[in-house]
């Protein structure tokens, strides 16, 4: 089972991450450790968690949120899953997301020729607009749902947790949700609670678990150890991707943050 969920550098040595990084088209973390990037960990962790729980099998139905141009819809389709990939309508999207290639306006943005044949992609992947703040019109028919570092952009800490709860309602009994989001690992309890990019603390997770329990769902206990590798002590600073700094932990408005994975199970 996947239990370690914080994006510490040591994870880039784990076999599952090496395999998924290669499969998703990211640099080999063993051959090119200087290119270690937390986005490769996020996508790989989501894929590994869903695979371990039997979700990436032929005929499974998956729903992805704020997919941008990420490789997961194509990778899941290659394994036989049928996917509805969604993103916010272009007219409602922030210009920063559209100009940096982090927004999908159509299905075409999701095809990765190295991951899946075109015929299989066209047959198994559908694209639609969806607002993570409402999820209006979506039916509770999904074996799995996922999002990759999107819920922290909904305006507040509570808004992000509201999305996790609403998305869990869309699962079939026995379904699984996998979401990555920001995890503030700086000392103390101060954080960013509202704005375009909020940062969650370990102390916020208990409230989410309580809300999910009331919905007949269970939040797996995350491993929140922040890592003790030397690269865990070297946070990337704005402007990011400069020099040879690892893009694993980041400095955001004075806080050191990284990625964490939240796994939700709906009762059978």
Protein backbone atom coordinates (compact mmCIF):
# COMPACT_ATOMS: atom_id res chain seq x y z
CA UNK A 1 0.00 0.00 0.00
CA UNK A 2 1.07 3.57 -0.62
CA UNK A 3 1.43 5.17 2.80
CA UNK A 4 4.03 7.94 2.46
CA UNK A 5 2.33 10.95 1.00
CA UNK A 6 4.61 13.95 1.44
CA UNK A 7 6.79 14.92 -1.51
CA UNK A 8 10.14 14.40 0.14
CA UNK A 9 13.21 13.76 -1.94
CA UNK A 10 13.65 10.19 -0.67
CA UNK A 11 10.47 9.24 -2.49
CA UNK A 12 12.21 9.81 -5.79
CA UNK A 13 14.19 6.64 -5.11
CA UNK A 14 11.10 4.47 -4.69
CA UNK A 15 10.42 1.95 -7.43
CA UNK A 16 6.79 2.93 -7.98
CA UNK A 17 7.74 6.57 -8.53
CA UNK A 18 10.53 5.67 -10.92
CA UNK A 19 8.16 3.49 -12.94
CA UNK A 20 5.34 6.03 -13.09
CA UNK A 21 7.67 8.94 -13.86
CA UNK A 22 8.98 7.03 -16.85
CA UNK A 23 5.47 5.95 -17.89
CA UNK A 24 4.13 9.52 -17.69
CA UNK A 25 6.99 11.00 -19.69
CA UNK A 26 8.89 12.70 -16.84
CA UNK A 27 12.69 12.53 -16.49
CA UNK A 28 13.96 9.38 -14.81
CA UNK A 29 14.41 10.44 -11.14
CA UNK A 30 17.32 8.02 -10.75
CA UNK A 31 19.18 9.02 -13.90
CA UNK A 32 18.44 12.76 -13.58
CA UNK A 33 17.89 13.55 -9.88
CA UNK A 34 18.63 17.23 -10.49
CA UNK A 35 15.34 17.42 -12.41
CA UNK A 36 13.24 16.08 -9.51
CA UNK A 37 9.91 17.91 -9.58
CA UNK A 38 6.99 17.63 -7.22
CA UNK A 39 4.47 17.56 -10.10
CA UNK A 40 5.96 14.24 -11.23
CA UNK A 41 5.43 12.99 -7.67
CA UNK A 42 1.82 14.24 -7.59
CA UNK A 43 0.80 12.53 -10.83
CA UNK A 44 2.71 9.37 -9.95
CA UNK A 45 1.27 9.21 -6.43
CA UNK A 46 -2.30 9.60 -7.70
CA UNK A 47 -1.77 6.92 -10.35
CA UNK A 48 -0.07 4.51 -7.94
CA UNK A 49 -2.73 4.94 -5.26
CA UNK A 50 -5.56 4.32 -7.73
CA UNK A 51 -3.77 1.34 -9.29
CA UNK A 52 -3.13 -0.27 -5.90
CA UNK A 53 -6.83 0.04 -5.09
CA UNK A 54 -7.96 -1.63 -8.31
CA UNK A 55 -9.26 1.51 -9.97
CA UNK A 56 -7.16 1.54 -13.16
CA UNK A 57 -8.74 -1.48 -14.80
CA UNK A 58 -10.76 -1.92 -18.01
CA UNK A 59 -14.28 -0.60 -17.61
CA UNK A 60 -13.65 1.52 -14.53
CA UNK A 61 -15.15 5.02 -14.68
CA UNK A 62 -12.94 7.94 -13.62
CA UNK A 63 -13.63 11.66 -13.21
CA UNK A 64 -10.79 14.19 -13.18
CA UNK A 65 -11.00 17.84 -12.12
CA UNK A 66 -8.93 20.83 -13.30
CA UNK A 67 -6.98 18.49 -15.54
CA UNK A 68 -5.19 21.15 -17.57
CA UNK A 69 -2.90 19.31 -19.97
CA UNK A 70 -1.88 16.65 -17.43
CA UNK A 71 -1.01 13.13 -18.65
CA UNK A 72 -3.32 11.21 -16.29
CA UNK A 73 -6.44 10.97 -18.50
CA UNK A 74 -4.35 9.50 -21.31
CA UNK A 75 -2.47 7.17 -18.96
CA UNK A 76 -5.69 5.92 -17.36
CA UNK A 77 -7.31 5.39 -20.76
CA UNK A 78 -4.30 3.33 -21.82
CA UNK A 79 -5.11 0.96 -18.94
CA UNK A 80 -8.72 0.62 -20.07
CA UNK A 81 -10.46 3.10 -17.78
CA UNK A 82 -13.17 5.37 -19.20
CA UNK A 83 -12.49 8.97 -18.15
CA UNK A 84 -14.44 12.21 -17.99
CA UNK A 85 -11.76 14.91 -17.82
CA UNK A 86 -12.98 18.34 -16.74
CA UNK A 87 -11.69 21.86 -16.37
CA UNK A 88 -13.20 25.25 -15.66
CA UNK A 89 -14.84 26.89 -18.67
CA UNK A 90 -12.30 28.99 -20.55
CA UNK A 91 -14.30 32.20 -20.06
CA UNK A 92 -14.18 31.72 -16.28
CA UNK A 93 -10.49 30.78 -16.02
CA UNK A 94 -7.77 33.01 -14.65
CA UNK A 95 -5.47 34.33 -17.38
CA UNK A 96 -2.43 33.00 -15.52
CA UNK A 97 -3.60 29.41 -15.95
CA UNK A 98 -4.48 29.73 -19.63
CA UNK A 99 -1.28 31.50 -20.66
CA UNK A 100 0.97 28.96 -18.91
CA UNK A 101 -0.65 25.88 -20.45
CA UNK A 102 -2.26 24.74 -17.21
CA UNK A 103 -5.81 24.88 -18.52
CA UNK A 104 -7.62 22.53 -20.89
CA UNK A 105 -10.17 24.04 -23.26
CA UNK A 106 -10.78 20.81 -25.16
CA UNK A 107 -10.08 17.11 -25.27
CA UNK A 108 -7.26 17.66 -27.74
CA UNK A 109 -5.05 19.16 -25.00
CA UNK A 110 -5.16 15.82 -23.15
CA UNK A 111 -3.90 13.48 -25.83
CA UNK A 112 -0.32 12.38 -25.21
CA UNK A 113 0.71 10.24 -28.15
CA UNK A 114 3.47 8.54 -26.17
CA UNK A 115 0.98 7.30 -23.56
CA UNK A 116 -2.01 5.97 -25.50
CA UNK A 117 -3.04 5.21 -29.07
CA UNK A 118 -5.39 7.77 -30.58
CA UNK A 119 -8.23 5.33 -31.19
CA UNK A 120 -8.25 4.16 -27.57
CA UNK A 121 -7.99 7.74 -26.32
CA UNK A 122 -10.93 8.90 -28.44
CA UNK A 123 -13.04 5.96 -27.30
CA UNK A 124 -12.31 6.25 -23.57
CA UNK A 125 -11.78 9.95 -22.83
CA UNK A 126 -14.48 12.63 -22.82
CA UNK A 127 -13.92 16.29 -21.97
CA UNK A 128 -16.38 18.71 -20.35
CA UNK A 129 -16.41 21.99 -18.46
CA UNK A 130 -16.91 21.73 -14.71
CA UNK A 131 -16.72 24.19 -11.82
CA UNK A 132 -15.10 22.65 -8.73
CA UNK A 133 -17.08 25.06 -6.56
CA UNK A 134 -20.43 23.47 -7.46
CA UNK A 135 -20.00 20.18 -9.42
CA UNK A 136 -23.47 20.86 -10.82
CA UNK A 137 -24.86 18.26 -13.21
CA UNK A 138 -22.43 15.47 -12.31
CA UNK A 139 -23.95 12.13 -11.32
CA UNK A 140 -22.73 9.76 -8.55
CA UNK A 141 -21.57 7.03 -10.93
CA UNK A 142 -17.78 7.13 -10.64
CA UNK A 143 -15.39 4.43 -9.49
CA UNK A 144 -12.71 7.03 -8.86
CA UNK A 145 -12.20 10.79 -8.92
CA UNK A 146 -9.00 12.78 -8.75
CA UNK A 147 -7.46 16.24 -8.79
CA UNK A 148 -3.85 17.39 -8.74
CA UNK A 149 -3.08 20.51 -6.70
CA UNK A 150 -6.27 22.32 -7.68
CA UNK A 151 -8.43 22.50 -4.56
CA UNK A 152 -6.11 24.99 -2.85
CA UNK A 153 -7.03 27.54 -5.55
CA UNK A 154 -10.75 27.69 -4.70
CA UNK A 155 -10.44 30.75 -2.45
CA UNK A 156 -10.20 29.43 1.11
CA UNK A 157 -9.29 26.43 3.24
CA UNK A 158 -12.98 25.60 3.73
CA UNK A 159 -13.71 25.88 0.00
CA UNK A 160 -11.09 23.25 -0.73
CA UNK A 161 -12.52 20.86 1.85
CA UNK A 162 -16.03 21.56 0.51
CA UNK A 163 -14.84 20.31 -2.87
CA UNK A 164 -13.34 17.12 -1.41
CA UNK A 165 -16.63 16.35 0.32
CA UNK A 166 -18.77 17.13 -2.75
CA UNK A 167 -16.53 15.06 -5.01
CA UNK A 168 -16.78 12.10 -2.61
CA UNK A 169 -20.57 12.21 -3.06
CA UNK A 170 -20.00 11.47 -6.75
CA UNK A 171 -18.36 8.12 -6.01
CA UNK A 172 -20.10 4.79 -6.33
CA UNK A 173 -20.12 2.67 -3.16
CA UNK A 174 -16.58 1.35 -2.79
CA UNK A 175 -15.14 4.17 -4.87
CA UNK A 176 -11.89 6.05 -4.24
CA UNK A 177 -10.92 9.72 -4.47
CA UNK A 178 -7.29 10.85 -4.78
CA UNK A 179 -6.41 14.53 -4.41
CA UNK A 180 -3.09 16.28 -4.02
CA UNK A 181 -2.87 19.70 -2.40
CA UNK A 182 -0.52 22.08 -0.62
CA UNK A 183 0.95 21.07 2.74
CA UNK A 184 2.54 23.80 4.87
CA UNK A 185 5.55 22.31 6.67
CA UNK A 186 6.88 25.52 8.24
CA UNK A 187 7.06 25.60 12.06
CA UNK A 188 4.02 26.85 13.95
CA UNK A 189 0.37 27.06 12.92
CA UNK A 190 0.28 30.25 10.84
CA UNK A 191 -0.68 29.72 7.20
CA UNK A 192 -2.50 31.24 4.22
CA UNK A 193 -6.21 30.73 4.89
CA UNK A 194 -7.77 32.66 2.01
CA UNK A 195 -6.77 33.87 -1.43
CA UNK A 196 -5.72 32.37 -4.74
CA UNK A 197 -3.41 29.79 -3.14
CA UNK A 198 -4.11 28.54 0.40
CA UNK A 199 -1.84 26.23 2.38
CA UNK A 200 -3.15 23.38 4.55
CA UNK A 201 -1.69 22.38 7.91
CA UNK A 202 -1.74 18.94 9.51
CA UNK A 203 -4.21 20.37 12.03
CA UNK A 204 -6.76 20.94 9.26
CA UNK A 205 -6.97 17.29 8.24
CA UNK A 206 -8.98 16.12 11.25
CA UNK A 207 -11.88 18.39 10.33
CA UNK A 208 -11.94 16.99 6.80
CA UNK A 209 -11.92 13.43 8.17
CA UNK A 210 -14.92 14.26 10.39
CA UNK A 211 -16.87 15.73 7.49
CA UNK A 212 -16.16 12.74 5.27
CA UNK A 213 -17.14 10.31 8.02
CA UNK A 214 -20.53 12.01 8.20
CA UNK A 215 -20.90 11.31 4.46
CA UNK A 216 -20.16 7.59 4.83
CA UNK A 217 -16.57 7.98 3.67
CA UNK A 218 -13.17 7.38 5.24
CA UNK A 219 -10.02 9.46 4.86
CA UNK A 220 -6.89 7.33 4.95
CA UNK A 221 -4.44 8.49 7.62
CA UNK A 222 -1.69 10.39 5.80
CA UNK A 223 2.00 10.16 6.60
CA UNK A 224 2.92 13.77 7.34
CA UNK A 225 6.63 13.36 8.03
CA UNK A 226 8.18 16.28 6.12
CA UNK A 227 11.40 14.47 5.18
CA UNK A 228 14.97 14.76 6.40
CA UNK A 229 16.99 14.44 3.18
CA UNK A 230 19.27 17.44 2.49
CA UNK A 231 17.13 18.34 -0.52
CA UNK A 232 14.14 18.67 1.80
CA UNK A 233 15.92 21.61 3.43
CA UNK A 234 16.39 23.48 0.15
CA UNK A 235 13.08 25.10 -0.81
CA UNK A 236 12.74 26.52 -4.30
CA UNK A 237 12.18 30.27 -4.19
CA UNK A 238 10.53 32.67 -6.66
CA UNK A 239 11.32 32.91 -9.47
CA UNK A 240 11.02 29.12 -9.54
CA UNK A 241 13.04 26.75 -11.72
CA UNK A 242 16.19 28.85 -11.53
CA UNK A 243 19.65 27.32 -11.22
CA UNK A 244 19.76 23.77 -9.89
CA UNK A 245 17.32 24.04 -6.99
CA UNK A 246 14.99 21.06 -6.61
CA UNK A 247 11.33 21.90 -7.17
CA UNK A 248 10.15 19.65 -4.33
CA UNK A 249 9.55 22.09 -1.51
CA UNK A 250 8.63 25.68 -2.34
CA UNK A 251 8.72 28.98 -0.53
CA UNK A 252 5.28 30.62 -0.83
CA UNK A 253 4.76 33.98 0.89
CA UNK A 254 7.28 33.06 3.57
CA UNK A 255 5.98 29.50 4.16
CA UNK A 256 7.66 26.28 3.06
CA UNK A 257 5.13 24.05 1.35
CA UNK A 258 5.10 20.75 -0.50
CA UNK A 259 2.56 18.28 -1.89
CA UNK A 260 0.42 15.85 0.07
CA UNK A 261 -1.95 13.15 -1.11
CA UNK A 262 -5.43 12.70 0.34
CA UNK A 263 -7.14 9.34 -0.23
CA UNK A 264 -10.87 8.98 0.38
CA UNK A 265 -12.84 5.72 0.39
CA UNK A 266 -16.61 5.53 0.03
CA UNK A 267 -18.20 2.71 2.03
CA UNK A 268 -19.15 -0.37 -0.04
